[in-house]
Amino acid sequence: MPSTIRDVLLDYLEPTFDVCIEPMRLSSQFMENVLERLLEAAGPYEVHSFEMHVKGTQLILGFKAPIAPNLKHLTIDIKREHILAFLNRGKDIIRGQESNGDRSNSGPFMCSIRGYINDQTALDMNHGLVTVSRLTCGRFVLAADGKVKVAPPVSRRGLEDETTPKQPLILLCLEQLLVKAQESMQ
């Protein structure tokens, strides 16, 4: 929303409804949990069906000042063909950790992505100065600064019921955002 329109809207809302409006910051952990829940809700499908309902994913990692002064962010694009493989690899990693008595702090997809990024670039995504600053998956975008974009499902001919698989995923994302907003009000 353009800042001039936002300012007019806020100037109207704050005195009219006696509210204090502040930006909602989304943590890396929250965005990762939303993604994990969406991927969990999309499956278990066969490979073709899963890829039809889950689009490619993009993670943008942000770096705080001391870690890399000249590097502001790193964009990681994951094609939809590879998402299911990352999920399955992550499940295997988590099973191995649990058998050793370890407990993973993230779901299978992010666990696998962390391992892959660490192996390929030696970048430790668990480091406190590395954060997920934006997450894009199919029809939604979540950003750490509180920006959210959710697009409605696109109808295509040839699918029996286009709204069935995608609608719950979008509603799940919105539900988690509402829970986050309610928690921040307390």
C-alpha atoms as a PDB file:
ATOM      1  CA  MET A   1       0.000   0.000   0.000  1.00  0.00           C
ATOM      2  CA  PRO A   2       1.429   3.424  -0.870  1.00  0.00           C
ATOM      3  CA  SER A   3       2.598   5.349   2.185  1.00  0.00           C
ATOM      4  CA  THR A   4       0.267   8.311   1.584  1.00  0.00           C
ATOM      5  CA  ILE A   5      -2.802   6.063   1.531  1.00  0.00           C
ATOM      6  CA  ARG A   6      -1.518   4.109   4.527  1.00  0.00           C
ATOM      7  CA  ASP A   7      -1.005   7.342   6.511  1.00  0.00           C
ATOM      8  CA  VAL A   8      -4.533   8.551   5.728  1.00  0.00           C
ATOM      9  CA  LEU A   9      -5.983   5.169   6.712  1.00  0.00           C
ATOM     10  CA  LEU A  10      -4.015   5.073   9.978  1.00  0.00           C
ATOM     11  CA  ASP A  11      -4.972   8.668  10.789  1.00  0.00           C
ATOM     12  CA  TYR A  12      -8.600   7.621  10.431  1.00  0.00           C
ATOM     13  CA  LEU A  13      -8.419   4.279  12.263  1.00  0.00           C
ATOM     14  CA  GLU A  14      -6.422   5.296  15.339  1.00  0.00           C
ATOM     15  CA  PRO A  15      -8.720   8.024  16.736  1.00  0.00           C
ATOM     16  CA  THR A  16     -11.971   6.545  15.398  1.00  0.00           C
ATOM     17  CA  PHE A  17     -11.518   3.119  16.971  1.00  0.00           C
ATOM     18  CA  ASP A  18      -9.108   4.115  19.750  1.00  0.00           C
ATOM     19  CA  VAL A  19      -6.377   1.735  18.629  1.00  0.00           C
ATOM     20  CA  CYS A  20      -2.627   1.870  18.391  1.00  0.00           C
ATOM     21  CA  ILE A  21      -1.452   0.343  15.134  1.00  0.00           C
ATOM     22  CA  GLU A  22       2.038  -1.120  15.021  1.00  0.00           C
ATOM     23  CA  PRO A  23       3.760  -3.291  12.422  1.00  0.00           C
ATOM     24  CA  MET A  24       3.685  -7.024  13.024  1.00  0.00           C
ATOM     25  CA  ARG A  25       7.157  -8.542  12.721  1.00  0.00           C
ATOM     26  CA  LEU A  26       7.332 -12.148  11.600  1.00  0.00           C
ATOM     27  CA  SER A  27      10.176 -14.227  12.994  1.00  0.00           C
ATOM     28  CA  SER A  28      12.165 -16.706  10.925  1.00  0.00           C
ATOM     29  CA  GLN A  29      10.807 -19.510  13.064  1.00  0.00           C
ATOM     30  CA  PHE A  30       7.211 -18.422  12.434  1.00  0.00           C
ATOM     31  CA  MET A  31       7.700 -18.250   8.648  1.00  0.00           C
ATOM     32  CA  GLU A  32       9.420 -21.642   8.630  1.00  0.00           C
ATOM     33  CA  ASN A  33       6.562 -23.160  10.655  1.00  0.00           C
ATOM     34  CA  VAL A  34       3.991 -21.766   8.212  1.00  0.00           C
ATOM     35  CA  LEU A  35       5.895 -23.284   5.293  1.00  0.00           C
ATOM     36  CA  GLU A  36       6.254 -26.647   7.023  1.00  0.00           C
ATOM     37  CA  ARG A  37       2.538 -26.760   7.850  1.00  0.00           C
ATOM     38  CA  LEU A  38       1.591 -25.842   4.292  1.00  0.00           C
ATOM     39  CA  LEU A  39       3.813 -28.554   2.844  1.00  0.00           C
ATOM     40  CA  GLU A  40       2.442 -31.035   5.366  1.00  0.00           C
ATOM     41  CA  ALA A  41      -1.133 -30.089   4.439  1.00  0.00           C
ATOM     42  CA  ALA A  42      -0.345 -30.444   0.717  1.00  0.00           C
ATOM     43  CA  GLY A  43       0.775 -34.053   1.035  1.00  0.00           C
ATOM     44  CA  PRO A  44       0.969 -36.976   1.032  1.00  0.00           C
ATOM     45  CA  TYR A  45       0.275 -37.030  -2.658  1.00  0.00           C
ATOM     46  CA  GLU A  46       1.929 -38.877  -5.455  1.00  0.00           C
ATOM     47  CA  VAL A  47       4.831 -36.961  -6.992  1.00  0.00           C
ATOM     48  CA  HIS A  48       2.817 -35.587  -9.929  1.00  0.00           C
ATOM     49  CA  SER A  49      -0.099 -34.514  -7.741  1.00  0.00           C
ATOM     50  CA  PHE A  50       2.149 -32.927  -5.106  1.00  0.00           C
ATOM     51  CA  GLU A  51       4.048 -30.920  -7.720  1.00  0.00           C
ATOM     52  CA  MET A  52       0.753 -29.757  -9.227  1.00  0.00           C
ATOM     53  CA  HIS A  53      -0.417 -28.261  -5.919  1.00  0.00           C
ATOM     54  CA  VAL A  54       2.857 -26.979  -4.484  1.00  0.00           C
ATOM     55  CA  LYS A  55       4.666 -24.399  -6.575  1.00  0.00           C
ATOM     56  CA  GLY A  56       8.324 -23.498  -6.328  1.00  0.00           C
ATOM     57  CA  THR A  57       9.612 -21.975  -3.121  1.00  0.00           C
ATOM     58  CA  GLN A  58      11.913 -19.041  -2.604  1.00  0.00           C
ATOM     59  CA  LEU A  59      13.752 -18.290   0.631  1.00  0.00           C
ATOM     60  CA  ILE A  60      15.569 -15.013   1.098  1.00  0.00           C
ATOM     61  CA  LEU A  61      18.140 -15.161   3.868  1.00  0.00           C
ATOM     62  CA  GLY A  62      19.100 -11.938   5.595  1.00  0.00           C
ATOM     63  CA  PHE A  63      22.398 -11.330   7.328  1.00  0.00           C
ATOM     64  CA  LYS A  64      22.952  -9.067  10.300  1.00  0.00           C
ATOM     65  CA  ALA A  65      25.875  -6.625  10.141  1.00  0.00           C
ATOM     66  CA  PRO A  66      28.871  -8.392  11.700  1.00  0.00           C
ATOM     67  CA  ILE A  67      28.500 -11.611   9.722  1.00  0.00           C
ATOM     68  CA  ALA A  68      28.883 -10.152   6.214  1.00  0.00           C
ATOM     69  CA  PRO A  69      29.029  -6.350   5.891  1.00  0.00           C
ATOM     70  CA  ASN A  70      28.793  -6.378   2.084  1.00  0.00           C
ATOM     71  CA  LEU A  71      26.228  -9.183   1.810  1.00  0.00           C
ATOM     72  CA  LYS A  72      22.679  -8.070   2.547  1.00  0.00           C
ATOM     73  CA  HIS A  73      20.730 -11.132   1.450  1.00  0.00           C
ATOM     74  CA  LEU A  74      20.945 -14.455  -0.336  1.00  0.00           C
ATOM     75  CA  THR A  75      18.093 -15.751  -2.486  1.00  0.00           C
ATOM     76  CA  ILE A  76      17.492 -19.495  -2.614  1.00  0.00           C
ATOM     77  CA  ASP A  77      15.104 -20.747  -5.313  1.00  0.00           C
ATOM     78  CA  ILE A  78      13.802 -24.298  -5.004  1.00  0.00           C
ATOM     79  CA  LYS A  79      11.964 -25.715  -7.988  1.00  0.00           C
ATOM     80  CA  ARG A  80       8.784 -27.584  -7.273  1.00  0.00           C
ATOM     81  CA  GLU A  81      10.282 -30.767  -8.718  1.00  0.00           C
ATOM     82  CA  HIS A  82      12.816 -30.784  -5.871  1.00  0.00           C
ATOM     83  CA  ILE A  83      10.542 -29.944  -2.920  1.00  0.00           C
ATOM     84  CA  LEU A  84       9.314 -33.501  -2.404  1.00  0.00           C
ATOM     85  CA  ALA A  85      12.911 -34.805  -2.467  1.00  0.00           C
ATOM     86  CA  PHE A  86      13.911 -32.228   0.175  1.00  0.00           C
ATOM     87  CA  LEU A  87      10.911 -33.256   2.302  1.00  0.00           C
ATOM     88  CA  ASN A  88      11.785 -36.956   2.102  1.00  0.00           C
ATOM     89  CA  ARG A  89      15.478 -36.280   2.831  1.00  0.00           C
ATOM     90  CA  GLY A  90      14.497 -34.116   5.807  1.00  0.00           C
ATOM     91  CA  LYS A  91      12.282 -36.859   7.205  1.00  0.00           C
ATOM     92  CA  ASP A  92      15.224 -39.270   6.998  1.00  0.00           C
ATOM     93  CA  ILE A  93      17.510 -36.750   8.737  1.00  0.00           C
ATOM     94  CA  ILE A  94      14.996 -36.205  11.544  1.00  0.00           C
ATOM     95  CA  ARG A  95      14.516 -39.977  12.006  1.00  0.00           C
ATOM     96  CA  GLY A  96      18.297 -40.349  12.288  1.00  0.00           C
ATOM     97  CA  GLN A  97      18.515 -37.524  14.818  1.00  0.00           C
ATOM     98  CA  GLU A  98      15.698 -38.987  16.915  1.00  0.00           C
ATOM     99  CA  SER A  99      17.328 -42.424  16.932  1.00  0.00           C
ATOM    100  CA  ASN A 100      20.481 -40.760  18.327  1.00  0.00           C
ATOM    101  CA  GLY A 101      18.436 -38.953  20.980  1.00  0.00           C
ATOM    102  CA  ASP A 102      18.665 -35.551  19.295  1.00  0.00           C
ATOM    103  CA  ARG A 103      15.645 -33.368  18.674  1.00  0.00           C
ATOM    104  CA  SER A 104      15.315 -31.196  15.573  1.00  0.00           C
ATOM    105  CA  ASN A 105      14.010 -27.639  16.015  1.00  0.00           C
ATOM    106  CA  SER A 106      12.645 -27.479  12.502  1.00  0.00           C
ATOM    107  CA  GLY A 107      10.445 -29.524  10.227  1.00  0.00           C
ATOM    108  CA  PRO A 108      11.703 -31.881   7.546  1.00  0.00           C
ATOM    109  CA  PHE A 109      11.842 -29.384   4.679  1.00  0.00           C
ATOM    110  CA  MET A 110      13.862 -26.719   6.510  1.00  0.00           C
ATOM    111  CA  CYS A 111      16.051 -29.382   8.144  1.00  0.00           C
ATOM    112  CA  SER A 112      16.963 -30.686   4.710  1.00  0.00           C
ATOM    113  CA  ILE A 113      17.476 -27.181   3.269  1.00  0.00           C
ATOM    114  CA  ARG A 114      19.770 -26.280   6.184  1.00  0.00           C
ATOM    115  CA  GLY A 115      21.862 -29.390   5.584  1.00  0.00           C
ATOM    116  CA  TYR A 116      22.019 -28.798   1.841  1.00  0.00           C
ATOM    117  CA  ILE A 117      23.035 -25.130   2.196  1.00  0.00           C
ATOM    118  CA  ASN A 118      25.643 -26.077   4.803  1.00  0.00           C
ATOM    119  CA  ASP A 119      27.090 -28.798   2.541  1.00  0.00           C
ATOM    120  CA  GLN A 120      27.126 -26.636  -0.598  1.00  0.00           C
ATOM    121  CA  THR A 121      28.188 -23.254   0.813  1.00  0.00           C
ATOM    122  CA  ALA A 122      29.385 -23.926   4.387  1.00  0.00           C
ATOM    123  CA  LEU A 123      26.748 -21.413   5.520  1.00  0.00           C
ATOM    124  CA  ASP A 124      25.249 -22.319   8.888  1.00  0.00           C
ATOM    125  CA  MET A 125      21.584 -21.268   8.727  1.00  0.00           C
ATOM    126  CA  ASN A 126      21.283 -22.018  12.455  1.00  0.00           C
ATOM    127  CA  HIS A 127      23.620 -19.119  13.250  1.00  0.00           C
ATOM    128  CA  GLY A 128      21.782 -16.355  15.107  1.00  0.00           C
ATOM    129  CA  LEU A 129      22.887 -13.703  12.619  1.00  0.00           C
ATOM    130  CA  VAL A 130      21.326 -15.523   9.640  1.00  0.00           C
ATOM    131  CA  THR A 131      17.554 -15.143   9.332  1.00  0.00           C
ATOM    132  CA  VAL A 132      14.848 -15.988   6.836  1.00  0.00           C
ATOM    133  CA  SER A 133      13.692 -12.527   5.808  1.00  0.00           C
ATOM    134  CA  ARG A 134      11.207 -13.510   3.087  1.00  0.00           C
ATOM    135  CA  LEU A 135       9.447 -16.692   2.113  1.00  0.00           C
ATOM    136  CA  THR A 136       7.528 -17.285  -1.108  1.00  0.00           C
ATOM    137  CA  CYS A 137       5.626 -20.452  -1.815  1.00  0.00           C
ATOM    138  CA  GLY A 138       3.097 -20.621  -4.607  1.00  0.00           C
ATOM    139  CA  ARG A 139       0.303 -18.247  -3.832  1.00  0.00           C
ATOM    140  CA  PHE A 140       1.653 -16.457  -0.772  1.00  0.00           C
ATOM    141  CA  VAL A 141       4.566 -14.311   0.341  1.00  0.00           C
ATOM    142  CA  LEU A 142       5.596 -13.694   3.955  1.00  0.00           C
ATOM    143  CA  ALA A 143       8.232 -11.143   4.901  1.00  0.00           C
ATOM    144  CA  ALA A 144       9.939 -10.498   8.234  1.00  0.00           C
ATOM    145  CA  ASP A 145       8.826  -6.871   8.177  1.00  0.00           C
ATOM    146  CA  GLY A 146       5.197  -8.032   8.353  1.00  0.00           C
ATOM    147  CA  LYS A 147       4.289  -7.765   4.686  1.00  0.00           C
ATOM    148  CA  VAL A 148       1.976 -10.519   3.541  1.00  0.00           C
ATOM    149  CA  LYS A 149       0.628 -11.253   0.081  1.00  0.00           C
ATOM    150  CA  VAL A 150      -1.916 -14.003  -0.515  1.00  0.00           C
ATOM    151  CA  ALA A 151      -3.346 -14.622  -3.974  1.00  0.00           C
ATOM    152  CA  PRO A 152      -6.522 -16.582  -4.666  1.00  0.00           C
ATOM    153  CA  PRO A 153      -6.342 -19.895  -6.511  1.00  0.00           C
ATOM    154  CA  VAL A 154      -6.256 -19.673 -10.280  1.00  0.00           C
ATOM    155  CA  SER A 155      -8.839 -21.837 -11.983  1.00  0.00           C
ATOM    156  CA  ARG A 156      -7.606 -24.080 -14.760  1.00  0.00           C
ATOM    157  CA  ARG A 157      -9.583 -26.264 -17.080  1.00  0.00           C
ATOM    158  CA  GLY A 158      -9.029 -29.969 -16.817  1.00  0.00           C
ATOM    159  CA  LEU A 159      -8.902 -30.177 -13.029  1.00  0.00           C
ATOM    160  CA  GLU A 160     -11.939 -31.671 -11.338  1.00  0.00           C
ATOM    161  CA  ASP A 161     -12.086 -29.330  -8.355  1.00  0.00           C
ATOM    162  CA  GLU A 162      -9.485 -26.575  -8.435  1.00  0.00           C
ATOM    163  CA  THR A 163     -10.389 -25.057  -5.069  1.00  0.00           C
ATOM    164  CA  THR A 164     -10.131 -28.248  -3.025  1.00  0.00           C
ATOM    165  CA  PRO A 165      -6.347 -28.609  -2.625  1.00  0.00           C
ATOM    166  CA  LYS A 166      -5.285 -24.948  -2.747  1.00  0.00           C
ATOM    167  CA  GLN A 167      -8.042 -23.262  -0.750  1.00  0.00           C
ATOM    168  CA  PRO A 168      -7.189 -25.042   2.532  1.00  0.00           C
ATOM    169  CA  LEU A 169      -3.509 -24.141   2.070  1.00  0.00           C
ATOM    170  CA  ILE A 170      -4.288 -20.449   1.723  1.00  0.00           C
ATOM    171  CA  LEU A 171      -6.717 -20.579   4.644  1.00  0.00           C
ATOM    172  CA  LEU A 172      -4.048 -22.335   6.732  1.00  0.00           C
ATOM    173  CA  CYS A 173      -1.602 -19.510   6.023  1.00  0.00           C
ATOM    174  CA  LEU A 174      -4.180 -16.854   6.939  1.00  0.00           C
ATOM    175  CA  GLU A 175      -5.167 -18.760  10.079  1.00  0.00           C
ATOM    176  CA  GLN A 176      -1.570 -18.828  11.311  1.00  0.00           C
ATOM    177  CA  LEU A 177      -1.211 -15.097  10.630  1.00  0.00           C
ATOM    178  CA  LEU A 178      -4.335 -14.378  12.660  1.00  0.00           C
ATOM    179  CA  VAL A 179      -3.028 -16.474  15.552  1.00  0.00           C
ATOM    180  CA  LYS A 180       0.274 -14.555  15.386  1.00  0.00           C
ATOM    181  CA  ALA A 181      -1.593 -11.222  15.413  1.00  0.00           C
ATOM    182  CA  GLN A 182      -3.656 -12.310  18.427  1.00  0.00           C
ATOM    183  CA  GLU A 183      -0.522 -13.410  20.304  1.00  0.00           C
ATOM    184  CA  SER A 184       1.171 -10.075  19.640  1.00  0.00           C
ATOM    185  CA  MET A 185      -1.850  -8.210  21.068  1.00  0.00           C
ATOM    186  CA  GLN A 186      -1.540  -9.965  24.433  1.00  0.00           C
END
